[in-house]
């Protein structure tokens, strides 16, 4: 779970940076972010709350 949360945080930060330089890159990064989020929910049954991305990963906050 922590690995997915870290990946989503990194992609979110990359989206913010890319937005200032190239909208196409930003769109691709958002697609990756949504793909990871959807895959984790669909295949692992874990619902990651985007509001928790700013807080340290906490397994108790995950809603299966």
PDB file of N, CA and C in Angstrom:
ATOM      1  N   UNK A   1       0.822  -1.185   0.000  1.00  0.00           N
ATOM      2  CA  UNK A   1       0.000   0.000   0.000  1.00  0.00           C
ATOM      3  C   UNK A   1       0.867   1.250   0.000  1.00  0.00           C
ATOM      4  N   UNK A   2       1.918   1.221   0.795  1.00  0.00           N
ATOM      5  CA  UNK A   2       2.798   2.390   0.866  1.00  0.00           C
ATOM      6  C   UNK A   2       3.452   2.668  -0.483  1.00  0.00           C
ATOM      7  N   UNK A   3       3.786   1.608  -1.220  1.00  0.00           N
ATOM      8  CA  UNK A   3       4.416   1.795  -2.531  1.00  0.00           C
ATOM      9  C   UNK A   3       3.466   2.496  -3.500  1.00  0.00           C
ATOM     10  N   UNK A   4       2.198   2.111  -3.477  1.00  0.00           N
ATOM     11  CA  UNK A   4       1.222   2.756  -4.355  1.00  0.00           C
ATOM     12  C   UNK A   4       0.985   4.204  -3.943  1.00  0.00           C
ATOM     13  N   UNK A   5       0.913   4.458  -2.654  1.00  0.00           N
ATOM     14  CA  UNK A   5       0.722   5.823  -2.173  1.00  0.00           C
ATOM     15  C   UNK A   5       1.905   6.697  -2.580  1.00  0.00           C
ATOM     16  N   UNK A   6       3.113   6.160  -2.442  1.00  0.00           N
ATOM     17  CA  UNK A   6       4.317   6.900  -2.836  1.00  0.00           C
ATOM     18  C   UNK A   6       4.313   7.177  -4.335  1.00  0.00           C
ATOM     19  N   UNK A   7       3.928   6.186  -5.122  1.00  0.00           N
ATOM     20  CA  UNK A   7       3.875   6.370  -6.574  1.00  0.00           C
ATOM     21  C   UNK A   7       2.864   7.449  -6.950  1.00  0.00           C
ATOM     22  N   UNK A   8       1.704   7.422  -6.308  1.00  0.00           N
ATOM     23  CA  UNK A   8       0.687   8.432  -6.600  1.00  0.00           C
ATOM     24  C   UNK A   8       1.137   9.825  -6.179  1.00  0.00           C
ATOM     25  N   UNK A   9       1.811   9.918  -5.043  1.00  0.00           N
ATOM     26  CA  UNK A   9       2.341  11.227  -4.614  1.00  0.00           C
ATOM     27  C   UNK A   9       3.340  11.754  -5.635  1.00  0.00           C
ATOM     28  N   UNK A  10       4.238  10.875  -6.093  1.00  0.00           N
ATOM     29  CA  UNK A  10       5.259  11.286  -7.061  1.00  0.00           C
ATOM     30  C   UNK A  10       4.626  11.736  -8.370  1.00  0.00           C
ATOM     31  N   UNK A  11       3.644  10.974  -8.855  1.00  0.00           N
ATOM     32  CA  UNK A  11       2.968  11.362 -10.092  1.00  0.00           C
ATOM     33  C   UNK A  11       2.198  12.667  -9.923  1.00  0.00           C
ATOM     34  N   UNK A  12       1.569  12.842  -8.779  1.00  0.00           N
ATOM     35  CA  UNK A  12       0.852  14.092  -8.512  1.00  0.00           C
ATOM     36  C   UNK A  12       1.817  15.280  -8.565  1.00  0.00           C
ATOM     37  N   UNK A  13       2.977  15.128  -7.927  1.00  0.00           N
ATOM     38  CA  UNK A  13       3.969  16.201  -7.938  1.00  0.00           C
ATOM     39  C   UNK A  13       4.501  16.440  -9.343  1.00  0.00           C
ATOM     40  N   UNK A  14       4.704  15.359 -10.101  1.00  0.00           N
ATOM     41  CA  UNK A  14       5.172  15.494 -11.481  1.00  0.00           C
ATOM     42  C   UNK A  14       4.128  16.216 -12.332  1.00  0.00           C
ATOM     43  N   UNK A  15       2.848  15.938 -12.085  1.00  0.00           N
ATOM     44  CA  UNK A  15       1.771  16.636 -12.813  1.00  0.00           C
ATOM     45  C   UNK A  15       1.829  18.134 -12.554  1.00  0.00           C
ATOM     46  N   UNK A  16       2.052  18.497 -11.317  1.00  0.00           N
ATOM     47  CA  UNK A  16       2.110  19.920 -10.960  1.00  0.00           C
ATOM     48  C   UNK A  16       3.270  20.616 -11.660  1.00  0.00           C
ATOM     49  N   UNK A  17       4.402  19.939 -11.730  1.00  0.00           N
ATOM     50  CA  UNK A  17       5.575  20.511 -12.401  1.00  0.00           C
ATOM     51  C   UNK A  17       5.348  20.556 -13.908  1.00  0.00           C
ATOM     52  N   UNK A  18       4.868  19.442 -14.478  1.00  0.00           N
ATOM     53  CA  UNK A  18       4.677  19.355 -15.925  1.00  0.00           C
ATOM     54  C   UNK A  18       3.649  20.365 -16.415  1.00  0.00           C
ATOM     55  N   UNK A  19       2.667  20.665 -15.604  1.00  0.00           N
ATOM     56  CA  UNK A  19       1.613  21.605 -15.993  1.00  0.00           C
ATOM     57  C   UNK A  19       2.197  22.951 -16.405  1.00  0.00           C
ATOM     58  N   UNK A  20       3.295  23.343 -15.783  1.00  0.00           N
ATOM     59  CA  UNK A  20       3.917  24.628 -16.095  1.00  0.00           C
ATOM     60  C   UNK A  20       4.691  24.602 -17.409  1.00  0.00           C
ATOM     61  N   UNK A  21       5.027  23.401 -17.912  1.00  0.00           N
ATOM     62  CA  UNK A  21       5.901  23.307 -19.077  1.00  0.00           C
ATOM     63  C   UNK A  21       5.222  22.750 -20.325  1.00  0.00           C
ATOM     64  N   UNK A  22       4.419  21.717 -20.168  1.00  0.00           N
ATOM     65  CA  UNK A  22       3.844  21.060 -21.337  1.00  0.00           C
ATOM     66  C   UNK A  22       2.545  20.357 -20.947  1.00  0.00           C
ATOM     67  N   UNK A  23       1.447  20.845 -21.464  1.00  0.00           N
ATOM     68  CA  UNK A  23       0.145  20.293 -21.094  1.00  0.00           C
ATOM     69  C   UNK A  23      -0.003  18.832 -21.519  1.00  0.00           C
ATOM     70  N   UNK A  24       0.623  18.450 -22.643  1.00  0.00           N
ATOM     71  CA  UNK A  24       0.515  17.048 -23.087  1.00  0.00           C
ATOM     72  C   UNK A  24       1.164  16.106 -22.096  1.00  0.00           C
ATOM     73  N   UNK A  25       2.321  16.479 -21.572  1.00  0.00           N
ATOM     74  CA  UNK A  25       2.982  15.636 -20.570  1.00  0.00           C
ATOM     75  C   UNK A  25       2.105  15.545 -19.332  1.00  0.00           C
ATOM     76  N   UNK A  26       1.536  16.658 -18.940  1.00  0.00           N
ATOM     77  CA  UNK A  26       0.653  16.679 -17.779  1.00  0.00           C
ATOM     78  C   UNK A  26      -0.517  15.718 -17.983  1.00  0.00           C
ATOM     79  N   UNK A  27      -1.106  15.729 -19.162  1.00  0.00           N
ATOM     80  CA  UNK A  27      -2.232  14.840 -19.460  1.00  0.00           C
ATOM     81  C   UNK A  27      -1.809  13.378 -19.380  1.00  0.00           C
ATOM     82  N   UNK A  28      -0.640  13.056 -19.911  1.00  0.00           N
ATOM     83  CA  UNK A  28      -0.135  11.680 -19.839  1.00  0.00           C
ATOM     84  C   UNK A  28       0.096  11.253 -18.395  1.00  0.00           C
ATOM     85  N   UNK A  29       0.649  12.143 -17.586  1.00  0.00           N
ATOM     86  CA  UNK A  29       0.908  11.820 -16.180  1.00  0.00           C
ATOM     87  C   UNK A  29      -0.393  11.623 -15.405  1.00  0.00           C
ATOM     88  N   UNK A  30      -1.396  12.432 -15.701  1.00  0.00           N
ATOM     89  CA  UNK A  30      -2.698  12.252 -15.056  1.00  0.00           C
ATOM     90  C   UNK A  30      -3.277  10.890 -15.434  1.00  0.00           C
ATOM     91  N   UNK A  31      -3.088  10.495 -16.689  1.00  0.00           N
ATOM     92  CA  UNK A  31      -3.550   9.178 -17.125  1.00  0.00           C
ATOM     93  C   UNK A  31      -2.882   8.059 -16.345  1.00  0.00           C
ATOM     94  N   UNK A  32      -1.582   8.175 -16.121  1.00  0.00           N
ATOM     95  CA  UNK A  32      -0.863   7.178 -15.318  1.00  0.00           C
ATOM     96  C   UNK A  32      -1.376   7.158 -13.887  1.00  0.00           C
ATOM     97  N   UNK A  33      -1.573   8.334 -13.327  1.00  0.00           N
ATOM     98  CA  UNK A  33      -2.072   8.433 -11.955  1.00  0.00           C
ATOM     99  C   UNK A  33      -3.433   7.746 -11.827  1.00  0.00           C
ATOM    100  N   UNK A  34      -4.326   8.028 -12.752  1.00  0.00           N
ATOM    101  CA  UNK A  34      -5.657   7.420 -12.713  1.00  0.00           C
ATOM    102  C   UNK A  34      -5.599   5.914 -12.959  1.00  0.00           C
ATOM    103  N   UNK A  35      -4.676   5.471 -13.825  1.00  0.00           N
ATOM    104  CA  UNK A  35      -4.539   4.038 -14.095  1.00  0.00           C
ATOM    105  C   UNK A  35      -4.080   3.287 -12.850  1.00  0.00           C
ATOM    106  N   UNK A  36      -3.102   3.832 -12.142  1.00  0.00           N
ATOM    107  CA  UNK A  36      -2.634   3.190 -10.909  1.00  0.00           C
ATOM    108  C   UNK A  36      -3.751   3.176  -9.877  1.00  0.00           C
ATOM    109  N   UNK A  37      -4.415   4.300  -9.703  1.00  0.00           N
ATOM    110  CA  UNK A  37      -5.508   4.391  -8.728  1.00  0.00           C
ATOM    111  C   UNK A  37      -6.593   3.360  -9.045  1.00  0.00           C
ATOM    112  N   UNK A  38      -6.987   3.266 -10.303  1.00  0.00           N
ATOM    113  CA  UNK A  38      -8.020   2.317 -10.706  1.00  0.00           C
ATOM    114  C   UNK A  38      -7.587   0.874 -10.568  1.00  0.00           C
ATOM    115  N   UNK A  39      -6.340   0.579 -10.907  1.00  0.00           N
ATOM    116  CA  UNK A  39      -5.822  -0.781 -10.800  1.00  0.00           C
ATOM    117  C   UNK A  39      -5.780  -1.242  -9.358  1.00  0.00           C
ATOM    118  N   UNK A  40      -5.318  -0.382  -8.475  1.00  0.00           N
ATOM    119  CA  UNK A  40      -5.251  -0.735  -7.054  1.00  0.00           C
ATOM    120  C   UNK A  40      -6.653  -1.020  -6.523  1.00  0.00           C
ATOM    121  N   UNK A  41      -7.612  -0.204  -6.908  1.00  0.00           N
ATOM    122  CA  UNK A  41      -8.982  -0.397  -6.419  1.00  0.00           C
ATOM    123  C   UNK A  41      -9.612  -1.654  -7.021  1.00  0.00           C
ATOM    124  N   UNK A  42      -9.463  -1.836  -8.324  1.00  0.00           N
ATOM    125  CA  UNK A  42     -10.115  -2.946  -9.009  1.00  0.00           C
ATOM    126  C   UNK A  42      -9.483  -4.296  -8.686  1.00  0.00           C
ATOM    127  N   UNK A  43      -8.171  -4.375  -8.773  1.00  0.00           N
ATOM    128  CA  UNK A  43      -7.503  -5.672  -8.650  1.00  0.00           C
ATOM    129  C   UNK A  43      -7.082  -6.015  -7.229  1.00  0.00           C
ATOM    130  N   UNK A  44      -6.846  -5.023  -6.407  1.00  0.00           N
ATOM    131  CA  UNK A  44      -6.418  -5.290  -5.032  1.00  0.00           C
ATOM    132  C   UNK A  44      -7.514  -5.001  -4.013  1.00  0.00           C
ATOM    133  N   UNK A  45      -8.575  -4.347  -4.454  1.00  0.00           N
ATOM    134  CA  UNK A  45      -9.676  -4.039  -3.548  1.00  0.00           C
ATOM    135  C   UNK A  45      -9.355  -2.977  -2.517  1.00  0.00           C
ATOM    136  N   UNK A  46      -8.379  -2.125  -2.829  1.00  0.00           N
ATOM    137  CA  UNK A  46      -7.976  -1.072  -1.902  1.00  0.00           C
ATOM    138  C   UNK A  46      -8.419   0.270  -2.471  1.00  0.00           C
ATOM    139  N   UNK A  47      -9.171   1.028  -1.695  1.00  0.00           N
ATOM    140  CA  UNK A  47      -9.612   2.356  -2.112  1.00  0.00           C
ATOM    141  C   UNK A  47      -8.672   3.390  -1.499  1.00  0.00           C
ATOM    142  N   UNK A  48      -7.848   3.998  -2.341  1.00  0.00           N
ATOM    143  CA  UNK A  48      -6.940   5.040  -1.876  1.00  0.00           C
ATOM    144  C   UNK A  48      -7.669   6.374  -1.926  1.00  0.00           C
ATOM    145  N   UNK A  49      -7.671   7.089  -0.841  1.00  0.00           N
ATOM    146  CA  UNK A  49      -8.330   8.390  -0.767  1.00  0.00           C
ATOM    147  C   UNK A  49      -7.331   9.462  -1.189  1.00  0.00           C
ATOM    148  N   UNK A  50      -7.598  10.197  -2.278  1.00  0.00           N
ATOM    149  CA  UNK A  50      -6.666  11.240  -2.715  1.00  0.00           C
ATOM    150  C   UNK A  50      -6.354  12.264  -1.627  1.00  0.00           C
ATOM    151  N   UNK A  51      -7.270  12.466  -0.697  1.00  0.00           N
ATOM    152  CA  UNK A  51      -7.023  13.413   0.398  1.00  0.00           C
ATOM    153  C   UNK A  51      -5.906  12.934   1.312  1.00  0.00           C
ATOM    154  N   UNK A  52      -5.633  11.631   1.307  1.00  0.00           N
ATOM    155  CA  UNK A  52      -4.584  11.081   2.162  1.00  0.00           C
ATOM    156  C   UNK A  52      -3.195  11.164   1.533  1.00  0.00           C
ATOM    157  N   UNK A  53      -3.094  11.652   0.307  1.00  0.00           N
ATOM    158  CA  UNK A  53      -1.796  11.682  -0.357  1.00  0.00           C
ATOM    159  C   UNK A  53      -0.827  12.655   0.296  1.00  0.00           C
ATOM    160  N   UNK A  54      -1.339  13.656   0.985  1.00  0.00           N
ATOM    161  CA  UNK A  54      -0.446  14.606   1.639  1.00  0.00           C
ATOM    162  C   UNK A  54       0.015  14.115   3.002  1.00  0.00           C
ATOM    163  N   UNK A  55      -0.680  13.158   3.557  1.00  0.00           N
ATOM    164  CA  UNK A  55      -0.307  12.612   4.867  1.00  0.00           C
ATOM    165  C   UNK A  55       0.565  11.372   4.668  1.00  0.00           C
ATOM    166  N   UNK A  56       1.361  11.016   5.665  1.00  0.00           N
ATOM    167  CA  UNK A  56       2.141   9.780   5.568  1.00  0.00           C
ATOM    168  C   UNK A  56       1.204   8.585   5.398  1.00  0.00           C
ATOM    169  N   UNK A  57       1.661   7.589   4.659  1.00  0.00           N
ATOM    170  CA  UNK A  57       0.858   6.395   4.434  1.00  0.00           C
ATOM    171  C   UNK A  57       0.544   5.720   5.760  1.00  0.00           C
ATOM    172  N   UNK A  58      -0.722   5.403   5.948  1.00  0.00           N
ATOM    173  CA  UNK A  58      -1.171   4.769   7.183  1.00  0.00           C
ATOM    174  C   UNK A  58      -2.131   3.647   6.808  1.00  0.00           C
ATOM    175  N   UNK A  59      -1.743   2.381   7.011  1.00  0.00           N
ATOM    176  CA  UNK A  59      -2.593   1.258   6.602  1.00  0.00           C
ATOM    177  C   UNK A  59      -3.988   1.304   7.215  1.00  0.00           C
ATOM    178  N   UNK A  60      -4.165   1.902   8.385  1.00  0.00           N
ATOM    179  CA  UNK A  60      -5.476   1.980   9.020  1.00  0.00           C
ATOM    180  C   UNK A  60      -6.429   2.906   8.267  1.00  0.00           C
ATOM    181  N   UNK A  61      -5.903   3.797   7.417  1.00  0.00           N
ATOM    182  CA  UNK A  61      -6.750   4.728   6.682  1.00  0.00           C
ATOM    183  C   UNK A  61      -7.305   4.117   5.406  1.00  0.00           C
ATOM    184  N   UNK A  62      -6.831   2.946   5.025  1.00  0.00           N
ATOM    185  CA  UNK A  62      -7.265   2.306   3.789  1.00  0.00           C
ATOM    186  C   UNK A  62      -8.623   1.658   4.011  1.00  0.00           C
ATOM    187  N   UNK A  63      -9.528   1.879   3.064  1.00  0.00           N
ATOM    188  CA  UNK A  63     -10.836   1.244   3.151  1.00  0.00           C
ATOM    189  C   UNK A  63     -10.931   0.186   2.067  1.00  0.00           C
ATOM    190  N   UNK A  64     -10.915  -1.103   2.436  1.00  0.00           N
ATOM    191  CA  UNK A  64     -10.968  -2.181   1.419  1.00  0.00           C
ATOM    192  C   UNK A  64     -12.301  -2.260   0.725  1.00  0.00           C
TER     193      UNK A  64
END
